[in-house]
Amino acid sequence: TGIGAACATRLATDGMDVTICGRTESRLVDVAGRIAASGAPGRVRTQVTDVTVESDVAALVADHVAAFGGLNGFVANAGGGGGMGPYHLLDTEEFLRVLHLNVLGTMLSVKHSVPHLVAAGGGSFVGMSSLAGHTTHVMFGAYCVAKAGIEEMMKNAADEFGEVKVRFNAVRPGFISTEIMEGIPRESEVYDSYIVNTPLGDVGEPEDVANLVRFLISDEARWITGTAINCDGGHHLRRGPDFTSFIEPHIGHDALVARAPIGG
């Protein structure tokens, strides 16, 4: 859904053969149906996949190669947030869940796609970072760490595999109008903290990110590797959003800054 669906649509519209993956089959089938109905020339297949399970990712890549004869690009879009709150109160298991979904999922995608990208004579891998990968998101720290990890992975992989012409780049979306971001009420201080810090003064659309991804996957970006590109309406020029108003009313300011226990 959201950015992933927009990326798949944009690539298929360019004539690329695409495999879309996710954990919910009905959503995958819906996206594939909409792409087919649009008349996009690229072929689209679906595969239920949990990107934190190595056997799933290995099968995803192998099945794509078997179906289409090779692999030229990979977009590691799967990810998500969680672990909201100050670091001293974060649940360890939730913190690890966010890291696994974002960082481990991307690493497994790199691990299993690289040999096929090399076999194709080179290719492009796009990791999905975020504004959070390089700009503070107060009280949303697990997500920031995870996205920063993806950016460093793309840089390191770009250095490791440049010799065999495989490019690695990260994309940094800001506030994009997706189902996930609908969880932020439009009348909230958190939403306002996004808008007031975005020079273009609005939210982006999934297609804005998809257009950048399409460029990075294509040969038009043949001389671009090891970088992270902002797609955020200029938000990176100011400061990140502040999620304090979602937390402080429930625990109090002193507990928020570790001056007192919750309820103390």
Protein backbone atom coordinates (compact mmCIF):
# COMPACT_ATOMS: atom_id res chain seq x y z
CA THR A 1 0.00 0.00 0.00
CA GLY A 2 1.02 3.65 -0.14
CA ILE A 3 4.60 4.19 -1.25
CA GLY A 4 5.17 0.54 -2.16
CA ALA A 5 2.12 0.40 -4.39
CA ALA A 6 3.07 3.68 -6.06
CA CYS A 7 6.60 2.42 -6.74
CA ALA A 8 5.33 -0.83 -8.24
CA THR A 9 2.89 1.08 -10.43
CA ARG A 10 5.53 3.53 -11.64
CA LEU A 11 8.02 0.79 -12.50
CA ALA A 12 5.42 -1.35 -14.28
CA THR A 13 4.27 1.72 -16.21
CA ASP A 14 7.85 2.02 -17.44
CA GLY A 15 7.61 -1.54 -18.72
CA MET A 16 9.55 -3.23 -15.94
CA ASP A 17 8.53 -6.69 -14.70
CA VAL A 18 7.73 -6.37 -11.02
CA THR A 19 7.20 -8.67 -8.06
CA ILE A 20 5.36 -7.02 -5.18
CA CYS A 21 5.57 -8.59 -1.76
CA GLY A 22 4.05 -8.17 1.66
CA ARG A 23 2.43 -10.12 4.46
CA THR A 24 -1.21 -9.70 3.39
CA GLU A 25 -2.16 -11.49 0.18
CA SER A 26 -5.44 -9.62 -0.35
CA ARG A 27 -3.63 -6.29 -0.45
CA LEU A 28 -1.06 -7.58 -2.90
CA VAL A 29 -3.76 -8.92 -5.21
CA ASP A 30 -5.60 -5.60 -5.04
CA VAL A 31 -2.50 -3.61 -6.01
CA ALA A 32 -1.62 -6.01 -8.83
CA GLY A 33 -5.17 -5.78 -10.15
CA ARG A 34 -5.09 -2.00 -10.17
CA ILE A 35 -1.76 -1.97 -12.00
CA ALA A 36 -3.08 -4.39 -14.63
CA ALA A 37 -6.25 -2.32 -15.05
CA SER A 38 -4.14 0.79 -15.64
CA GLY A 39 -2.73 -0.74 -18.81
CA ALA A 40 0.87 -0.69 -17.59
CA PRO A 41 3.01 -2.79 -19.96
CA GLY A 42 5.16 -4.37 -17.25
CA ARG A 43 4.20 -7.77 -15.88
CA VAL A 44 3.32 -7.97 -12.19
CA ARG A 45 3.37 -10.94 -9.85
CA THR A 46 2.70 -11.11 -6.12
CA GLN A 47 4.34 -13.07 -3.33
CA VAL A 48 3.44 -13.23 0.35
CA THR A 49 6.67 -12.45 2.18
CA ASP A 50 7.84 -11.51 5.66
CA VAL A 51 11.07 -9.63 5.04
CA THR A 52 12.35 -10.47 8.53
CA VAL A 53 12.33 -14.19 7.67
CA GLU A 54 15.38 -15.12 5.62
CA SER A 55 13.80 -18.10 3.87
CA ASP A 56 10.94 -15.86 2.72
CA VAL A 57 13.33 -13.29 1.23
CA ALA A 58 15.46 -15.96 -0.44
CA ALA A 59 12.34 -17.47 -2.02
CA LEU A 60 11.10 -14.04 -3.10
CA VAL A 61 14.26 -13.32 -5.07
CA ALA A 62 14.61 -16.83 -6.49
CA ASP A 63 10.99 -16.94 -7.62
CA HIS A 64 11.24 -13.53 -9.30
CA VAL A 65 14.33 -14.66 -11.21
CA ALA A 66 12.61 -17.90 -12.22
CA ALA A 67 9.53 -16.03 -13.43
CA PHE A 68 11.22 -13.18 -15.28
CA GLY A 69 14.68 -14.49 -16.15
CA GLY A 70 16.75 -12.20 -13.99
CA LEU A 71 16.88 -9.30 -11.55
CA ASN A 72 17.97 -5.75 -12.38
CA GLY A 73 16.67 -3.78 -9.42
CA PHE A 74 15.32 -4.11 -5.89
CA VAL A 75 13.29 -1.62 -3.85
CA ALA A 76 13.40 -2.46 -0.13
CA ASN A 77 10.28 -0.58 0.88
CA ALA A 78 9.02 -2.72 3.77
CA GLY A 79 9.36 -0.94 7.08
CA GLY A 80 7.47 0.78 9.82
CA GLY A 81 7.59 2.66 13.08
CA GLY A 82 6.72 1.97 16.68
CA GLY A 83 8.43 2.26 20.02
CA MET A 84 7.02 5.70 20.75
CA GLY A 85 8.28 7.36 23.92
CA PRO A 86 11.53 8.50 25.57
CA TYR A 87 14.45 6.08 25.42
CA HIS A 88 14.46 5.31 29.15
CA LEU A 89 10.89 4.01 28.89
CA LEU A 90 11.13 2.14 25.59
CA ASP A 91 10.14 -1.51 25.61
CA THR A 92 13.17 -3.52 24.52
CA GLU A 93 11.19 -6.02 22.47
CA GLU A 94 9.38 -3.24 20.63
CA PHE A 95 12.68 -1.49 19.92
CA LEU A 96 14.08 -4.71 18.47
CA ARG A 97 10.92 -5.27 16.42
CA VAL A 98 11.39 -1.90 14.70
CA LEU A 99 15.06 -2.66 14.02
CA HIS A 100 14.25 -6.10 12.65
CA LEU A 101 11.54 -4.85 10.30
CA ASN A 102 13.60 -2.00 8.90
CA VAL A 103 17.27 -2.93 9.21
CA LEU A 104 17.23 -6.72 9.15
CA GLY A 105 14.60 -6.75 6.40
CA THR A 106 16.76 -4.50 4.25
CA MET A 107 19.93 -6.48 4.99
CA LEU A 108 18.29 -9.76 3.99
CA SER A 109 17.09 -8.11 0.79
CA VAL A 110 20.63 -6.96 0.01
CA LYS A 111 22.07 -10.38 0.87
CA HIS A 112 19.83 -12.33 -1.47
CA SER A 113 19.51 -9.84 -4.34
CA VAL A 114 23.17 -8.93 -4.82
CA PRO A 115 24.31 -12.16 -6.54
CA HIS A 116 21.52 -11.81 -9.10
CA LEU A 117 22.20 -8.11 -9.66
CA VAL A 118 25.84 -8.96 -10.27
CA ALA A 119 24.86 -11.78 -12.64
CA ALA A 120 22.79 -9.29 -14.63
CA GLY A 121 25.88 -7.18 -15.22
CA GLY A 122 24.95 -4.64 -12.58
CA GLY A 123 21.82 -3.11 -11.17
CA SER A 124 20.28 -0.81 -8.61
CA PHE A 125 19.13 -1.31 -5.03
CA VAL A 126 17.01 1.34 -3.31
CA GLY A 127 16.64 1.35 0.47
CA MET A 128 13.70 3.21 1.97
CA SER A 129 14.99 5.56 4.65
CA SER A 130 13.08 8.57 5.94
CA LEU A 131 13.41 12.13 7.13
CA ALA A 132 13.88 10.33 10.45
CA GLY A 133 17.14 8.80 9.25
CA HIS A 134 18.98 12.08 9.71
CA THR A 135 16.62 14.47 11.56
CA THR A 136 15.46 14.08 15.15
CA HIS A 137 11.92 12.84 15.77
CA VAL A 138 11.43 13.53 19.46
CA MET A 139 9.78 10.55 21.24
CA PHE A 140 10.02 8.36 18.11
CA GLY A 141 13.60 7.24 18.59
CA ALA A 142 13.44 3.59 17.53
CA TYR A 143 12.39 4.58 14.02
CA CYS A 144 15.21 7.13 13.75
CA VAL A 145 17.84 4.54 14.67
CA ALA A 146 16.39 2.03 12.20
CA LYS A 147 16.30 4.42 9.26
CA ALA A 148 19.80 5.71 9.99
CA GLY A 149 20.94 2.10 9.88
CA ILE A 150 19.48 1.67 6.41
CA GLU A 151 21.33 4.74 5.14
CA GLU A 152 24.67 3.47 6.46
CA MET A 153 23.99 0.06 4.94
CA MET A 154 23.40 1.63 1.52
CA LYS A 155 26.66 3.58 1.77
CA ASN A 156 28.69 0.56 2.79
CA ALA A 157 27.12 -1.71 0.18
CA ALA A 158 27.74 0.92 -2.51
CA ASP A 159 31.43 0.83 -1.63
CA GLU A 160 31.56 -2.97 -1.51
CA PHE A 161 29.79 -3.62 -4.81
CA GLY A 162 30.75 -0.65 -6.97
CA GLU A 163 33.35 -2.78 -8.74
CA VAL A 164 30.58 -5.06 -10.07
CA LYS A 165 28.35 -2.10 -11.07
CA VAL A 166 25.65 -2.56 -8.45
CA ARG A 167 24.43 0.78 -7.12
CA PHE A 168 22.91 1.37 -3.68
CA ASN A 169 21.02 4.50 -2.67
CA ALA A 170 18.51 5.51 -0.03
CA VAL A 171 15.40 7.64 -0.38
CA ARG A 172 14.26 9.90 2.46
CA PRO A 173 10.51 10.57 2.33
CA GLY A 174 9.07 13.19 4.63
CA PHE A 175 5.39 13.32 5.53
CA ILE A 176 3.68 11.38 2.73
CA SER A 177 -0.09 10.94 2.50
CA THR A 178 -0.33 7.21 3.20
CA GLU A 179 -2.55 4.95 5.26
CA ILE A 180 0.09 4.74 7.99
CA MET A 181 0.38 8.52 8.32
CA GLU A 182 -3.39 8.79 8.69
CA GLY A 183 -2.71 7.80 12.30
CA ILE A 184 -1.55 11.37 12.94
CA PRO A 185 -4.66 13.54 13.49
CA ARG A 186 -4.71 16.60 11.28
CA GLU A 187 -5.68 18.80 14.24
CA SER A 188 -2.76 17.64 16.41
CA GLU A 189 0.41 19.40 17.49
CA VAL A 190 2.39 16.60 15.88
CA TYR A 191 0.83 17.23 12.46
CA ASP A 192 1.43 20.95 12.87
CA SER A 193 5.08 20.27 13.69
CA TYR A 194 5.43 18.58 10.30
CA ILE A 195 3.71 21.30 8.28
CA VAL A 196 5.32 24.34 9.91
CA ASN A 197 8.76 22.84 9.28
CA THR A 198 8.12 21.99 5.62
CA PRO A 199 9.07 24.92 3.35
CA LEU A 200 6.65 23.79 0.63
CA GLY A 201 3.95 23.80 3.31
CA ASP A 202 2.06 20.62 2.53
CA VAL A 203 2.32 16.82 2.57
CA GLY A 204 3.70 14.72 -0.25
CA GLU A 205 2.01 11.99 -2.25
CA PRO A 206 3.25 8.41 -2.73
CA GLU A 207 3.82 9.18 -6.40
CA ASP A 208 6.39 11.82 -5.44
CA VAL A 209 8.52 9.11 -3.86
CA ALA A 210 7.81 6.63 -6.66
CA ASN A 211 9.11 9.03 -9.29
CA LEU A 212 12.41 9.34 -7.44
CA VAL A 213 12.66 5.57 -6.94
CA ARG A 214 12.00 5.00 -10.64
CA PHE A 215 14.87 7.36 -11.49
CA LEU A 216 17.28 5.62 -9.12
CA ILE A 217 16.37 2.18 -10.45
CA SER A 218 16.84 3.28 -14.05
CA ASP A 219 20.04 3.66 -16.05
CA GLU A 220 19.48 7.41 -15.94
CA ALA A 221 21.00 7.26 -12.44
CA ARG A 222 23.98 5.15 -13.55
CA TRP A 223 26.47 7.54 -11.93
CA ILE A 224 24.68 7.86 -8.60
CA THR A 225 25.51 5.50 -5.74
CA GLY A 226 26.06 5.59 -2.00
CA THR A 227 23.83 8.56 -1.34
CA ALA A 228 20.54 9.41 0.35
CA ILE A 229 18.13 11.75 -1.42
CA ASN A 230 15.49 13.83 0.35
CA CYS A 231 11.90 13.75 -0.88
CA ASP A 232 10.27 15.84 1.81
CA GLY A 233 9.21 19.25 0.54
CA GLY A 234 12.32 20.75 2.14
CA HIS A 235 11.55 19.50 5.66
CA HIS A 236 15.20 18.50 6.18
CA LEU A 237 16.11 22.20 6.12
CA ARG A 238 14.37 22.77 9.45
CA ARG A 239 13.68 20.46 12.37
CA GLY A 240 11.91 17.15 12.64
CA PRO A 241 8.47 16.54 14.12
CA ASP A 242 7.84 16.35 17.87
CA PHE A 243 5.70 13.50 19.23
CA THR A 244 5.82 14.75 22.84
CA SER A 245 2.14 15.74 22.86
CA PHE A 246 1.19 12.10 22.26
CA ILE A 247 3.10 10.97 25.37
CA GLU A 248 3.36 13.72 27.98
CA PRO A 249 -0.35 13.98 28.90
CA HIS A 250 -0.31 10.32 29.93
CA ILE A 251 2.83 10.26 32.09
CA GLY A 252 3.67 13.86 33.01
CA HIS A 253 6.69 15.97 32.13
CA ASP A 254 8.96 14.82 34.95
CA ALA A 255 8.55 11.17 33.96
CA LEU A 256 9.10 12.14 30.34
CA VAL A 257 12.58 13.50 31.09
CA ALA A 258 13.47 10.78 33.64
CA ARG A 259 13.25 13.17 36.58
CA ALA A 260 10.59 11.07 38.26
CA PRO A 261 8.92 7.67 37.81
CA ILE A 262 5.63 7.48 35.96
CA GLY A 263 2.94 8.74 38.31
CA GLY A 264 5.59 10.08 40.70
